[in-house]
């Protein structure tokens, strides 16, 4: 959302999140009288209060901001870039697999030398 709205809008959003939303949800979860705490909800290291609330609010803010109309004059370009990255990844994975096969062959030869089947 930070890249999609003006800095003033993001500042207001951050202010409201810090002042209202996070404290309320934290109270529900961590306060012994909070309704989620009483219901038996257990929060591991603050992951639900921080990550779930942050993710949900980011999703709502993105929905409110709407699509990026007119942002990209070539909408097919990211797809082509993705294909190129995928081809490069496939090539690197193939090269790494060949290295692993080579190392397995080296290990097999070492074992055969240790067993006395091969001599140096």
PDB file of N, CA and C in Angstrom:
ATOM      1  N   UNK A   1       0.820  -1.186   0.000  1.00  0.00           N
ATOM      2  CA  UNK A   1       0.000   0.000   0.000  1.00  0.00           C
ATOM      3  C   UNK A   1       0.866   1.253   0.000  1.00  0.00           C
ATOM      4  N   UNK A   2       2.031   1.160   0.605  1.00  0.00           N
ATOM      5  CA  UNK A   2       2.904   2.322   0.713  1.00  0.00           C
ATOM      6  C   UNK A   2       3.233   2.910  -0.654  1.00  0.00           C
ATOM      7  N   UNK A   3       3.419   2.056  -1.652  1.00  0.00           N
ATOM      8  CA  UNK A   3       3.785   2.539  -2.972  1.00  0.00           C
ATOM      9  C   UNK A   3       2.585   3.008  -3.789  1.00  0.00           C
ATOM     10  N   UNK A   4       1.385   2.764  -3.302  1.00  0.00           N
ATOM     11  CA  UNK A   4       0.198   3.046  -4.114  1.00  0.00           C
ATOM     12  C   UNK A   4      -0.575   4.276  -3.685  1.00  0.00           C
ATOM     13  N   UNK A   5      -0.267   4.831  -2.528  1.00  0.00           N
ATOM     14  CA  UNK A   5      -0.992   6.016  -2.053  1.00  0.00           C
ATOM     15  C   UNK A   5       0.005   7.129  -1.741  1.00  0.00           C
ATOM     16  N   UNK A   6      -0.515   8.312  -1.552  1.00  0.00           N
ATOM     17  CA  UNK A   6       0.339   9.436  -1.186  1.00  0.00           C
ATOM     18  C   UNK A   6       0.849   9.251   0.232  1.00  0.00           C
ATOM     19  N   UNK A   7       1.959   9.882   0.548  1.00  0.00           N
ATOM     20  CA  UNK A   7       2.591   9.724   1.855  1.00  0.00           C
ATOM     21  C   UNK A   7       1.685  10.206   2.981  1.00  0.00           C
ATOM     22  N   UNK A   8       0.888  11.236   2.717  1.00  0.00           N
ATOM     23  CA  UNK A   8      -0.025  11.738   3.745  1.00  0.00           C
ATOM     24  C   UNK A   8      -1.081  10.678   4.080  1.00  0.00           C
ATOM     25  N   UNK A   9      -1.603  10.032   3.040  1.00  0.00           N
ATOM     26  CA  UNK A   9      -2.606   8.990   3.256  1.00  0.00           C
ATOM     27  C   UNK A   9      -2.013   7.836   4.045  1.00  0.00           C
ATOM     28  N   UNK A  10      -0.800   7.444   3.693  1.00  0.00           N
ATOM     29  CA  UNK A  10      -0.152   6.360   4.424  1.00  0.00           C
ATOM     30  C   UNK A  10       0.113   6.751   5.880  1.00  0.00           C
ATOM     31  N   UNK A  11       0.471   8.006   6.100  1.00  0.00           N
ATOM     32  CA  UNK A  11       0.685   8.471   7.469  1.00  0.00           C
ATOM     33  C   UNK A  11      -0.586   8.391   8.301  1.00  0.00           C
ATOM     34  N   UNK A  12      -1.713   8.792   7.723  1.00  0.00           N
ATOM     35  CA  UNK A  12      -2.996   8.696   8.432  1.00  0.00           C
ATOM     36  C   UNK A  12      -3.334   7.229   8.703  1.00  0.00           C
ATOM     37  N   UNK A  13      -3.147   6.384   7.694  1.00  0.00           N
ATOM     38  CA  UNK A  13      -3.420   4.951   7.855  1.00  0.00           C
ATOM     39  C   UNK A  13      -2.568   4.354   8.986  1.00  0.00           C
ATOM     40  N   UNK A  14      -1.275   4.664   8.995  1.00  0.00           N
ATOM     41  CA  UNK A  14      -0.377   4.154  10.035  1.00  0.00           C
ATOM     42  C   UNK A  14      -0.755   4.685  11.409  1.00  0.00           C
ATOM     43  N   UNK A  15      -1.123   5.958  11.458  1.00  0.00           N
ATOM     44  CA  UNK A  15      -1.530   6.560  12.724  1.00  0.00           C
ATOM     45  C   UNK A  15      -2.770   5.865  13.293  1.00  0.00           C
ATOM     46  N   UNK A  16      -3.767   5.661  12.435  1.00  0.00           N
ATOM     47  CA  UNK A  16      -4.994   4.992  12.893  1.00  0.00           C
ATOM     48  C   UNK A  16      -4.726   3.551  13.306  1.00  0.00           C
ATOM     49  N   UNK A  17      -3.889   2.859  12.557  1.00  0.00           N
ATOM     50  CA  UNK A  17      -3.552   1.476  12.916  1.00  0.00           C
ATOM     51  C   UNK A  17      -2.860   1.427  14.278  1.00  0.00           C
ATOM     52  N   UNK A  18      -1.902   2.327  14.486  1.00  0.00           N
ATOM     53  CA  UNK A  18      -1.137   2.324  15.729  1.00  0.00           C
ATOM     54  C   UNK A  18      -1.967   2.784  16.914  1.00  0.00           C
ATOM     55  N   UNK A  19      -2.834   3.754  16.686  1.00  0.00           N
ATOM     56  CA  UNK A  19      -3.592   4.337  17.786  1.00  0.00           C
ATOM     57  C   UNK A  19      -4.824   3.528  18.167  1.00  0.00           C
ATOM     58  N   UNK A  20      -5.487   2.937  17.179  1.00  0.00           N
ATOM     59  CA  UNK A  20      -6.765   2.284  17.474  1.00  0.00           C
ATOM     60  C   UNK A  20      -6.763   0.769  17.248  1.00  0.00           C
ATOM     61  N   UNK A  21      -6.412   0.354  16.079  1.00  0.00           N
ATOM     62  CA  UNK A  21      -6.651  -1.044  15.713  1.00  0.00           C
ATOM     63  C   UNK A  21      -5.740  -2.000  16.470  1.00  0.00           C
ATOM     64  N   UNK A  22      -4.431  -1.796  16.433  1.00  0.00           N
ATOM     65  CA  UNK A  22      -3.527  -2.718  17.120  1.00  0.00           C
ATOM     66  C   UNK A  22      -3.783  -2.787  18.631  1.00  0.00           C
ATOM     67  N   UNK A  23      -3.958  -1.655  19.336  1.00  0.00           N
ATOM     68  CA  UNK A  23      -4.216  -1.762  20.775  1.00  0.00           C
ATOM     69  C   UNK A  23      -5.502  -2.513  21.113  1.00  0.00           C
ATOM     70  N   UNK A  24      -6.518  -2.326  20.292  1.00  0.00           N
ATOM     71  CA  UNK A  24      -7.777  -3.015  20.574  1.00  0.00           C
ATOM     72  C   UNK A  24      -7.616  -4.520  20.397  1.00  0.00           C
ATOM     73  N   UNK A  25      -7.020  -4.921  19.296  1.00  0.00           N
ATOM     74  CA  UNK A  25      -6.829  -6.350  19.051  1.00  0.00           C
ATOM     75  C   UNK A  25      -5.860  -6.942  20.068  1.00  0.00           C
ATOM     76  N   UNK A  26      -4.803  -6.219  20.414  1.00  0.00           N
ATOM     77  CA  UNK A  26      -3.866  -6.703  21.419  1.00  0.00           C
ATOM     78  C   UNK A  26      -4.562  -6.892  22.765  1.00  0.00           C
ATOM     79  N   UNK A  27      -5.457  -5.985  23.093  1.00  0.00           N
ATOM     80  CA  UNK A  27      -6.219  -6.116  24.341  1.00  0.00           C
ATOM     81  C   UNK A  27      -7.115  -7.353  24.305  1.00  0.00           C
ATOM     82  N   UNK A  28      -7.740  -7.609  23.180  1.00  0.00           N
ATOM     83  CA  UNK A  28      -8.583  -8.797  23.060  1.00  0.00           C
ATOM     84  C   UNK A  28      -7.782 -10.080  23.268  1.00  0.00           C
ATOM     85  N   UNK A  29      -6.551 -10.078  22.767  1.00  0.00           N
ATOM     86  CA  UNK A  29      -5.758 -11.308  22.769  1.00  0.00           C
ATOM     87  C   UNK A  29      -4.935 -11.460  24.040  1.00  0.00           C
ATOM     88  N   UNK A  30      -4.281 -10.405  24.523  1.00  0.00           N
ATOM     89  CA  UNK A  30      -3.308 -10.535  25.598  1.00  0.00           C
ATOM     90  C   UNK A  30      -3.837 -10.169  26.982  1.00  0.00           C
ATOM     91  N   UNK A  31      -4.896  -9.385  27.069  1.00  0.00           N
ATOM     92  CA  UNK A  31      -5.444  -9.008  28.361  1.00  0.00           C
ATOM     93  C   UNK A  31      -6.203 -10.207  28.950  1.00  0.00           C
ATOM     94  N   UNK A  32      -5.970 -10.554  30.212  1.00  0.00           N
ATOM     95  CA  UNK A  32      -6.675 -11.699  30.806  1.00  0.00           C
ATOM     96  C   UNK A  32      -8.197 -11.567  30.799  1.00  0.00           C
ATOM     97  N   UNK A  33      -8.714 -10.338  30.630  1.00  0.00           N
ATOM     98  CA  UNK A  33     -10.163 -10.175  30.547  1.00  0.00           C
ATOM     99  C   UNK A  33     -10.643  -9.986  29.109  1.00  0.00           C
ATOM    100  N   UNK A  34      -9.719 -10.051  28.135  1.00  0.00           N
ATOM    101  CA  UNK A  34     -10.093  -9.899  26.732  1.00  0.00           C
ATOM    102  C   UNK A  34     -10.921 -11.074  26.259  1.00  0.00           C
ATOM    103  N   UNK A  35     -11.854 -10.828  25.352  1.00  0.00           N
ATOM    104  CA  UNK A  35     -12.795 -11.881  24.969  1.00  0.00           C
ATOM    105  C   UNK A  35     -12.098 -13.027  24.237  1.00  0.00           C
ATOM    106  N   UNK A  36     -11.057 -12.760  23.464  1.00  0.00           N
ATOM    107  CA  UNK A  36     -10.340 -13.856  22.812  1.00  0.00           C
ATOM    108  C   UNK A  36      -9.510 -14.646  23.823  1.00  0.00           C
ATOM    109  N   UNK A  37      -8.908 -13.954  24.784  1.00  0.00           N
ATOM    110  CA  UNK A  37      -8.147 -14.629  25.828  1.00  0.00           C
ATOM    111  C   UNK A  37      -9.059 -15.530  26.657  1.00  0.00           C
ATOM    112  N   UNK A  38     -10.222 -15.001  27.028  1.00  0.00           N
ATOM    113  CA  UNK A  38     -11.189 -15.777  27.823  1.00  0.00           C
ATOM    114  C   UNK A  38     -11.703 -16.977  27.033  1.00  0.00           C
ATOM    115  N   UNK A  39     -11.837 -16.814  25.712  1.00  0.00           N
ATOM    116  CA  UNK A  39     -12.328 -17.905  24.875  1.00  0.00           C
ATOM    117  C   UNK A  39     -11.272 -18.992  24.668  1.00  0.00           C
ATOM    118  N   UNK A  40     -10.049 -18.765  25.160  1.00  0.00           N
ATOM    119  CA  UNK A  40      -9.010 -19.771  25.045  1.00  0.00           C
ATOM    120  C   UNK A  40      -8.084 -19.598  23.858  1.00  0.00           C
ATOM    121  N   UNK A  41      -8.122 -18.453  23.221  1.00  0.00           N
ATOM    122  CA  UNK A  41      -7.247 -18.199  22.080  1.00  0.00           C
ATOM    123  C   UNK A  41      -5.824 -17.995  22.569  1.00  0.00           C
ATOM    124  N   UNK A  42      -4.882 -18.678  21.946  1.00  0.00           N
ATOM    125  CA  UNK A  42      -3.468 -18.539  22.309  1.00  0.00           C
ATOM    126  C   UNK A  42      -2.709 -17.935  21.138  1.00  0.00           C
ATOM    127  N   UNK A  43      -1.995 -16.868  21.427  1.00  0.00           N
ATOM    128  CA  UNK A  43      -1.221 -16.172  20.405  1.00  0.00           C
ATOM    129  C   UNK A  43       0.238 -16.538  20.594  1.00  0.00           C
ATOM    130  N   UNK A  44       0.860 -17.111  19.559  1.00  0.00           N
ATOM    131  CA  UNK A  44       2.256 -17.496  19.648  1.00  0.00           C
ATOM    132  C   UNK A  44       3.141 -16.330  19.217  1.00  0.00           C
ATOM    133  N   UNK A  45       3.841 -15.739  20.137  1.00  0.00           N
ATOM    134  CA  UNK A  45       4.819 -14.676  19.898  1.00  0.00           C
ATOM    135  C   UNK A  45       4.227 -13.474  19.166  1.00  0.00           C
ATOM    136  N   UNK A  46       2.961 -13.208  19.333  1.00  0.00           N
ATOM    137  CA  UNK A  46       2.342 -12.038  18.734  1.00  0.00           C
ATOM    138  C   UNK A  46       2.042 -12.162  17.259  1.00  0.00           C
ATOM    139  N   UNK A  47       2.085 -13.390  16.732  1.00  0.00           N
ATOM    140  CA  UNK A  47       1.929 -13.529  15.280  1.00  0.00           C
ATOM    141  C   UNK A  47       0.532 -13.142  14.812  1.00  0.00           C
ATOM    142  N   UNK A  48      -0.491 -13.438  15.569  1.00  0.00           N
ATOM    143  CA  UNK A  48      -1.832 -13.082  15.091  1.00  0.00           C
ATOM    144  C   UNK A  48      -2.093 -11.590  15.233  1.00  0.00           C
ATOM    145  N   UNK A  49      -1.655 -11.030  16.340  1.00  0.00           N
ATOM    146  CA  UNK A  49      -1.899  -9.602  16.549  1.00  0.00           C
ATOM    147  C   UNK A  49      -1.151  -8.782  15.501  1.00  0.00           C
ATOM    148  N   UNK A  50       0.074  -9.141  15.212  1.00  0.00           N
ATOM    149  CA  UNK A  50       0.876  -8.344  14.293  1.00  0.00           C
ATOM    150  C   UNK A  50       0.608  -8.733  12.843  1.00  0.00           C
ATOM    151  N   UNK A  51       0.766 -10.007  12.512  1.00  0.00           N
ATOM    152  CA  UNK A  51       0.735 -10.406  11.109  1.00  0.00           C
ATOM    153  C   UNK A  51      -0.673 -10.542  10.538  1.00  0.00           C
ATOM    154  N   UNK A  52      -1.567 -11.135  11.274  1.00  0.00           N
ATOM    155  CA  UNK A  52      -2.923 -11.300  10.741  1.00  0.00           C
ATOM    156  C   UNK A  52      -3.628  -9.952  10.644  1.00  0.00           C
ATOM    157  N   UNK A  53      -3.513  -9.144  11.685  1.00  0.00           N
ATOM    158  CA  UNK A  53      -4.153  -7.830  11.657  1.00  0.00           C
ATOM    159  C   UNK A  53      -3.501  -6.944  10.591  1.00  0.00           C
ATOM    160  N   UNK A  54      -2.176  -6.976  10.497  1.00  0.00           N
ATOM    161  CA  UNK A  54      -1.492  -6.185   9.476  1.00  0.00           C
ATOM    162  C   UNK A  54      -1.843  -6.641   8.069  1.00  0.00           C
ATOM    163  N   UNK A  55      -1.889  -7.955   7.863  1.00  0.00           N
ATOM    164  CA  UNK A  55      -2.252  -8.471   6.546  1.00  0.00           C
ATOM    165  C   UNK A  55      -3.683  -8.147   6.169  1.00  0.00           C
ATOM    166  N   UNK A  56      -4.594  -8.295   7.119  1.00  0.00           N
ATOM    167  CA  UNK A  56      -6.003  -7.991   6.839  1.00  0.00           C
ATOM    168  C   UNK A  56      -6.196  -6.505   6.554  1.00  0.00           C
ATOM    169  N   UNK A  57      -5.521  -5.658   7.323  1.00  0.00           N
ATOM    170  CA  UNK A  57      -5.671  -4.222   7.076  1.00  0.00           C
ATOM    171  C   UNK A  57      -5.020  -3.823   5.757  1.00  0.00           C
ATOM    172  N   UNK A  58      -3.916  -4.452   5.403  1.00  0.00           N
ATOM    173  CA  UNK A  58      -3.290  -4.191   4.113  1.00  0.00           C
ATOM    174  C   UNK A  58      -4.186  -4.614   2.959  1.00  0.00           C
ATOM    175  N   UNK A  59      -4.868  -5.749   3.128  1.00  0.00           N
ATOM    176  CA  UNK A  59      -5.802  -6.216   2.101  1.00  0.00           C
ATOM    177  C   UNK A  59      -6.964  -5.233   1.938  1.00  0.00           C
ATOM    178  N   UNK A  60      -7.529  -4.791   3.053  1.00  0.00           N
ATOM    179  CA  UNK A  60      -8.636  -3.833   2.991  1.00  0.00           C
ATOM    180  C   UNK A  60      -8.175  -2.528   2.346  1.00  0.00           C
ATOM    181  N   UNK A  61      -6.983  -2.058   2.724  1.00  0.00           N
ATOM    182  CA  UNK A  61      -6.473  -0.813   2.147  1.00  0.00           C
ATOM    183  C   UNK A  61      -6.229  -0.961   0.644  1.00  0.00           C
ATOM    184  N   UNK A  62      -5.745  -2.124   0.226  1.00  0.00           N
ATOM    185  CA  UNK A  62      -5.511  -2.355  -1.202  1.00  0.00           C
ATOM    186  C   UNK A  62      -6.827  -2.396  -1.963  1.00  0.00           C
ATOM    187  N   UNK A  63      -7.829  -3.007  -1.379  1.00  0.00           N
ATOM    188  CA  UNK A  63      -9.148  -3.033  -2.016  1.00  0.00           C
ATOM    189  C   UNK A  63      -9.701  -1.615  -2.129  1.00  0.00           C
ATOM    190  N   UNK A  64      -9.538  -0.822  -1.078  1.00  0.00           N
ATOM    191  CA  UNK A  64     -10.012   0.554  -1.114  1.00  0.00           C
ATOM    192  C   UNK A  64      -9.230   1.402  -2.121  1.00  0.00           C
ATOM    193  N   UNK A  65      -7.935   1.151  -2.261  1.00  0.00           N
ATOM    194  CA  UNK A  65      -7.125   1.918  -3.214  1.00  0.00           C
ATOM    195  C   UNK A  65      -7.514   1.590  -4.652  1.00  0.00           C
ATOM    196  N   UNK A  66      -7.952   0.370  -4.887  1.00  0.00           N
ATOM    197  CA  UNK A  66      -8.401  -0.013  -6.225  1.00  0.00           C
ATOM    198  C   UNK A  66      -7.267  -0.428  -7.137  1.00  0.00           C
ATOM    199  N   UNK A  67      -7.611  -0.789  -8.362  1.00  0.00           N
ATOM    200  CA  UNK A  67      -6.590  -1.254  -9.308  1.00  0.00           C
ATOM    201  C   UNK A  67      -5.717  -0.110  -9.806  1.00  0.00           C
ATOM    202  N   UNK A  68      -4.590  -0.449 -10.356  1.00  0.00           N
ATOM    203  CA  UNK A  68      -3.646   0.531 -10.883  1.00  0.00           C
ATOM    204  C   UNK A  68      -3.997   0.842 -12.337  1.00  0.00           C
ATOM    205  N   UNK A  69      -5.024   1.602 -12.540  1.00  0.00           N
ATOM    206  CA  UNK A  69      -5.452   1.941 -13.886  1.00  0.00           C
ATOM    207  C   UNK A  69      -4.442   2.883 -14.523  1.00  0.00           C
ATOM    208  N   UNK A  70      -4.014   2.549 -15.733  1.00  0.00           N
ATOM    209  CA  UNK A  70      -3.070   3.380 -16.451  1.00  0.00           C
ATOM    210  C   UNK A  70      -1.651   3.301 -15.937  1.00  0.00           C
ATOM    211  N   UNK A  71      -1.389   2.415 -14.996  1.00  0.00           N
ATOM    212  CA  UNK A  71      -0.041   2.302 -14.421  1.00  0.00           C
ATOM    213  C   UNK A  71       0.933   1.675 -15.403  1.00  0.00           C
ATOM    214  N   UNK A  72       0.488   0.661 -16.112  1.00  0.00           N
ATOM    215  CA  UNK A  72       1.355  -0.046 -17.036  1.00  0.00           C
ATOM    216  C   UNK A  72       0.827   0.118 -18.451  1.00  0.00           C
ATOM    217  N   UNK A  73       1.669   0.643 -19.331  1.00  0.00           N
ATOM    218  CA  UNK A  73       1.238   0.800 -20.711  1.00  0.00           C
ATOM    219  C   UNK A  73       1.430  -0.489 -21.512  1.00  0.00           C
ATOM    220  N   UNK A  74       2.193  -1.437 -20.957  1.00  0.00           N
ATOM    221  CA  UNK A  74       2.387  -2.740 -21.593  1.00  0.00           C
ATOM    222  C   UNK A  74       2.041  -3.824 -20.567  1.00  0.00           C
ATOM    223  N   UNK A  75       0.774  -4.186 -20.439  1.00  0.00           N
ATOM    224  CA  UNK A  75       0.383  -5.125 -19.386  1.00  0.00           C
ATOM    225  C   UNK A  75       0.947  -6.526 -19.566  1.00  0.00           C
ATOM    226  N   UNK A  76       1.407  -6.880 -20.742  1.00  0.00           N
ATOM    227  CA  UNK A  76       1.949  -8.197 -20.989  1.00  0.00           C
ATOM    228  C   UNK A  76       3.410  -8.294 -20.579  1.00  0.00           C
ATOM    229  N   UNK A  77       4.074  -7.164 -20.322  1.00  0.00           N
ATOM    230  CA  UNK A  77       5.498  -7.166 -20.019  1.00  0.00           C
ATOM    231  C   UNK A  77       5.852  -7.956 -18.753  1.00  0.00           C
ATOM    232  N   UNK A  78       5.135  -7.815 -17.638  1.00  0.00           N
ATOM    233  CA  UNK A  78       5.494  -8.627 -16.473  1.00  0.00           C
ATOM    234  C   UNK A  78       5.414 -10.125 -16.744  1.00  0.00           C
ATOM    235  N   UNK A  79       4.472 -10.535 -17.580  1.00  0.00           N
ATOM    236  CA  UNK A  79       4.353 -11.958 -17.903  1.00  0.00           C
ATOM    237  C   UNK A  79       5.586 -12.441 -18.664  1.00  0.00           C
ATOM    238  N   UNK A  80       6.055 -11.630 -19.614  1.00  0.00           N
ATOM    239  CA  UNK A  80       7.251 -12.013 -20.367  1.00  0.00           C
ATOM    240  C   UNK A  80       8.473 -12.058 -19.460  1.00  0.00           C
ATOM    241  N   UNK A  81       8.569 -11.107 -18.553  1.00  0.00           N
ATOM    242  CA  UNK A  81       9.683 -11.111 -17.605  1.00  0.00           C
ATOM    243  C   UNK A  81       9.633 -12.345 -16.725  1.00  0.00           C
ATOM    244  N   UNK A  82       8.425 -12.751 -16.350  1.00  0.00           N
ATOM    245  CA  UNK A  82       8.272 -13.948 -15.530  1.00  0.00           C
ATOM    246  C   UNK A  82       8.739 -15.181 -16.289  1.00  0.00           C
ATOM    247  N   UNK A  83       8.409 -15.258 -17.572  1.00  0.00           N
ATOM    248  CA  UNK A  83       8.840 -16.402 -18.375  1.00  0.00           C
ATOM    249  C   UNK A  83      10.360 -16.445 -18.470  1.00  0.00           C
ATOM    250  N   UNK A  84      10.982 -15.290 -18.627  1.00  0.00           N
ATOM    251  CA  UNK A  84      12.438 -15.238 -18.713  1.00  0.00           C
ATOM    252  C   UNK A  84      13.069 -15.662 -17.388  1.00  0.00           C
ATOM    253  N   UNK A  85      12.518 -15.173 -16.269  1.00  0.00           N
ATOM    254  CA  UNK A  85      13.048 -15.570 -14.960  1.00  0.00           C
ATOM    255  C   UNK A  85      12.870 -17.065 -14.739  1.00  0.00           C
ATOM    256  N   UNK A  86      11.722 -17.614 -15.160  1.00  0.00           N
ATOM    257  CA  UNK A  86      11.486 -19.039 -14.992  1.00  0.00           C
ATOM    258  C   UNK A  86      12.473 -19.858 -15.813  1.00  0.00           C
ATOM    259  N   UNK A  87      12.759 -19.430 -17.051  1.00  0.00           N
ATOM    260  CA  UNK A  87      13.722 -20.140 -17.891  1.00  0.00           C
ATOM    261  C   UNK A  87      15.116 -20.082 -17.269  1.00  0.00           C
ATOM    262  N   UNK A  88      15.480 -18.926 -16.715  1.00  0.00           N
ATOM    263  CA  UNK A  88      16.781 -18.796 -16.068  1.00  0.00           C
ATOM    264  C   UNK A  88      16.845 -19.685 -14.825  1.00  0.00           C
ATOM    265  N   UNK A  89      15.780 -19.720 -14.060  1.00  0.00           N
ATOM    266  CA  UNK A  89      15.727 -20.576 -12.876  1.00  0.00           C
ATOM    267  C   UNK A  89      15.852 -22.044 -13.274  1.00  0.00           C
ATOM    268  N   UNK A  90      15.139 -22.447 -14.321  1.00  0.00           N
ATOM    269  CA  UNK A  90      15.215 -23.831 -14.783  1.00  0.00           C
ATOM    270  C   UNK A  90      16.631 -24.196 -15.200  1.00  0.00           C
ATOM    271  N   UNK A  91      17.317 -23.289 -15.895  1.00  0.00           N
ATOM    272  CA  UNK A  91      18.687 -23.540 -16.323  1.00  0.00           C
ATOM    273  C   UNK A  91      19.616 -23.695 -15.120  1.00  0.00           C
ATOM    274  N   UNK A  92      19.470 -22.811 -14.125  1.00  0.00           N
ATOM    275  CA  UNK A  92      20.302 -22.897 -12.924  1.00  0.00           C
ATOM    276  C   UNK A  92      20.025 -24.181 -12.156  1.00  0.00           C
ATOM    277  N   UNK A  93      18.767 -24.572 -12.075  1.00  0.00           N
ATOM    278  CA  UNK A  93      18.421 -25.808 -11.384  1.00  0.00           C
ATOM    279  C   UNK A  93      19.021 -27.017 -12.111  1.00  0.00           C
ATOM    280  N   UNK A  94      19.008 -26.995 -13.421  1.00  0.00           N
ATOM    281  CA  UNK A  94      19.591 -28.086 -14.215  1.00  0.00           C
ATOM    282  C   UNK A  94      21.099 -28.179 -13.966  1.00  0.00           C
ATOM    283  N   UNK A  95      21.775 -27.028 -13.929  1.00  0.00           N
ATOM    284  CA  UNK A  95      23.214 -27.005 -13.669  1.00  0.00           C
ATOM    285  C   UNK A  95      23.529 -27.528 -12.269  1.00  0.00           C
ATOM    286  N   UNK A  96      22.722 -27.154 -11.291  1.00  0.00           N
ATOM    287  CA  UNK A  96      22.946 -27.637  -9.935  1.00  0.00           C
ATOM    288  C   UNK A  96      22.710 -29.138  -9.845  1.00  0.00           C
ATOM    289  N   UNK A  97      21.725 -29.636 -10.561  1.00  0.00           N
ATOM    290  CA  UNK A  97      21.466 -31.068 -10.572  1.00  0.00           C
ATOM    291  C   UNK A  97      22.647 -31.832 -11.177  1.00  0.00           C
ATOM    292  N   UNK A  98      23.237 -31.271 -12.228  1.00  0.00           N
ATOM    293  CA  UNK A  98      24.411 -31.899 -12.832  1.00  0.00           C
ATOM    294  C   UNK A  98      25.575 -31.922 -11.845  1.00  0.00           C
ATOM    295  N   UNK A  99      25.744 -30.855 -11.071  1.00  0.00           N
ATOM    296  CA  UNK A  99      26.811 -30.824 -10.064  1.00  0.00           C
ATOM    297  C   UNK A  99      26.573 -31.875  -8.995  1.00  0.00           C
ATOM    298  N   UNK A 100      25.330 -32.045  -8.589  1.00  0.00           N
ATOM    299  CA  UNK A 100      25.007 -33.049  -7.576  1.00  0.00           C
ATOM    300  C   UNK A 100      25.287 -34.450  -8.118  1.00  0.00           C
ATOM    301  N   UNK A 101      24.914 -34.699  -9.359  1.00  0.00           N
ATOM    302  CA  UNK A 101      25.185 -35.999  -9.970  1.00  0.00           C
ATOM    303  C   UNK A 101      26.693 -36.250 -10.012  1.00  0.00           C
ATOM    304  N   UNK A 102      27.454 -35.202 -10.339  1.00  0.00           N
ATOM    305  CA  UNK A 102      28.902 -35.334 -10.384  1.00  0.00           C
ATOM    306  C   UNK A 102      29.448 -35.675  -9.000  1.00  0.00           C
ATOM    307  N   UNK A 103      28.949 -35.001  -7.968  1.00  0.00           N
ATOM    308  CA  UNK A 103      29.397 -35.271  -6.607  1.00  0.00           C
ATOM    309  C   UNK A 103      29.023 -36.679  -6.172  1.00  0.00           C
ATOM    310  N   UNK A 104      27.855 -37.170  -6.587  1.00  0.00           N
ATOM    311  CA  UNK A 104      27.462 -38.536  -6.258  1.00  0.00           C
ATOM    312  C   UNK A 104      28.409 -39.537  -6.911  1.00  0.00           C
ATOM    313  N   UNK A 105      28.827 -39.249  -8.142  1.00  0.00           N
ATOM    314  CA  UNK A 105      29.773 -40.133  -8.820  1.00  0.00           C
ATOM    315  C   UNK A 105      31.117 -40.128  -8.096  1.00  0.00           C
ATOM    316  N   UNK A 106      31.567 -38.965  -7.644  1.00  0.00           N
ATOM    317  CA  UNK A 106      32.821 -38.868  -6.902  1.00  0.00           C
ATOM    318  C   UNK A 106      32.723 -39.681  -5.617  1.00  0.00           C
ATOM    319  N   UNK A 107      31.599 -39.584  -4.917  1.00  0.00           N
ATOM    320  CA  UNK A 107      31.414 -40.345  -3.688  1.00  0.00           C
ATOM    321  C   UNK A 107      31.427 -41.846  -3.963  1.00  0.00           C
ATOM    322  N   UNK A 108      30.806 -42.273  -5.052  1.00  0.00           N
ATOM    323  CA  UNK A 108      30.803 -43.692  -5.407  1.00  0.00           C
ATOM    324  C   UNK A 108      32.218 -44.183  -5.688  1.00  0.00           C
ATOM    325  N   UNK A 109      33.002 -43.375  -6.386  1.00  0.00           N
ATOM    326  CA  UNK A 109      34.387 -43.764  -6.686  1.00  0.00           C
ATOM    327  C   UNK A 109      35.203 -43.849  -5.405  1.00  0.00           C
ATOM    328  N   UNK A 110      34.998 -42.898  -4.491  1.00  0.00           N
ATOM    329  CA  UNK A 110      35.713 -42.939  -3.208  1.00  0.00           C
ATOM    330  C   UNK A 110      35.364 -44.206  -2.441  1.00  0.00           C
ATOM    331  N   UNK A 111      34.096 -44.572  -2.433  1.00  0.00           N
ATOM    332  CA  UNK A 111      33.676 -45.793  -1.747  1.00  0.00           C
ATOM    333  C   UNK A 111      34.324 -47.025  -2.379  1.00  0.00           C
ATOM    334  N   UNK A 112      34.394 -47.053  -3.707  1.00  0.00           N
ATOM    335  CA  UNK A 112      34.993 -48.192  -4.385  1.00  0.00           C
ATOM    336  C   UNK A 112      36.492 -48.273  -4.072  1.00  0.00           C
ATOM    337  N   UNK A 113      37.160 -47.128  -3.967  1.00  0.00           N
ATOM    338  CA  UNK A 113      38.580 -47.110  -3.612  1.00  0.00           C
ATOM    339  C   UNK A 113      38.753 -47.615  -2.195  1.00  0.00           C
ATOM    340  N   UNK A 114      37.896 -47.180  -1.284  1.00  0.00           N
ATOM    341  CA  UNK A 114      37.983 -47.614   0.108  1.00  0.00           C
ATOM    342  C   UNK A 114      37.733 -49.110   0.251  1.00  0.00           C
ATOM    343  N   UNK A 115      36.848 -49.650  -0.576  1.00  0.00           N
ATOM    344  CA  UNK A 115      36.529 -51.071  -0.527  1.00  0.00           C
ATOM    345  C   UNK A 115      37.595 -51.912  -1.219  1.00  0.00           C
ATOM    346  N   UNK A 116      38.496 -51.277  -1.927  1.00  0.00           N
ATOM    347  CA  UNK A 116      39.563 -51.992  -2.610  1.00  0.00           C
ATOM    348  C   UNK A 116      39.186 -52.449  -4.000  1.00  0.00           C
ATOM    349  N   UNK A 117      38.052 -52.052  -4.496  1.00  0.00           N
ATOM    350  CA  UNK A 117      37.632 -52.444  -5.845  1.00  0.00           C
ATOM    351  C   UNK A 117      38.395 -51.675  -6.904  1.00  0.00           C
ATOM    352  N   UNK A 118      38.864 -50.482  -6.554  1.00  0.00           N
ATOM    353  CA  UNK A 118      39.647 -49.652  -7.471  1.00  0.00           C
ATOM    354  C   UNK A 118      40.946 -49.303  -6.763  1.00  0.00           C
ATOM    355  N   UNK A 119      41.978 -49.113  -7.551  1.00  0.00           N
ATOM    356  CA  UNK A 119      43.247 -48.655  -6.987  1.00  0.00           C
ATOM    357  C   UNK A 119      43.548 -47.266  -7.498  1.00  0.00           C
ATOM    358  N   UNK A 120      44.321 -46.528  -6.735  1.00  0.00           N
ATOM    359  CA  UNK A 120      44.644 -45.156  -7.130  1.00  0.00           C
ATOM    360  C   UNK A 120      45.480 -45.120  -8.362  1.00  0.00           C
TER     361      UNK A 120
END
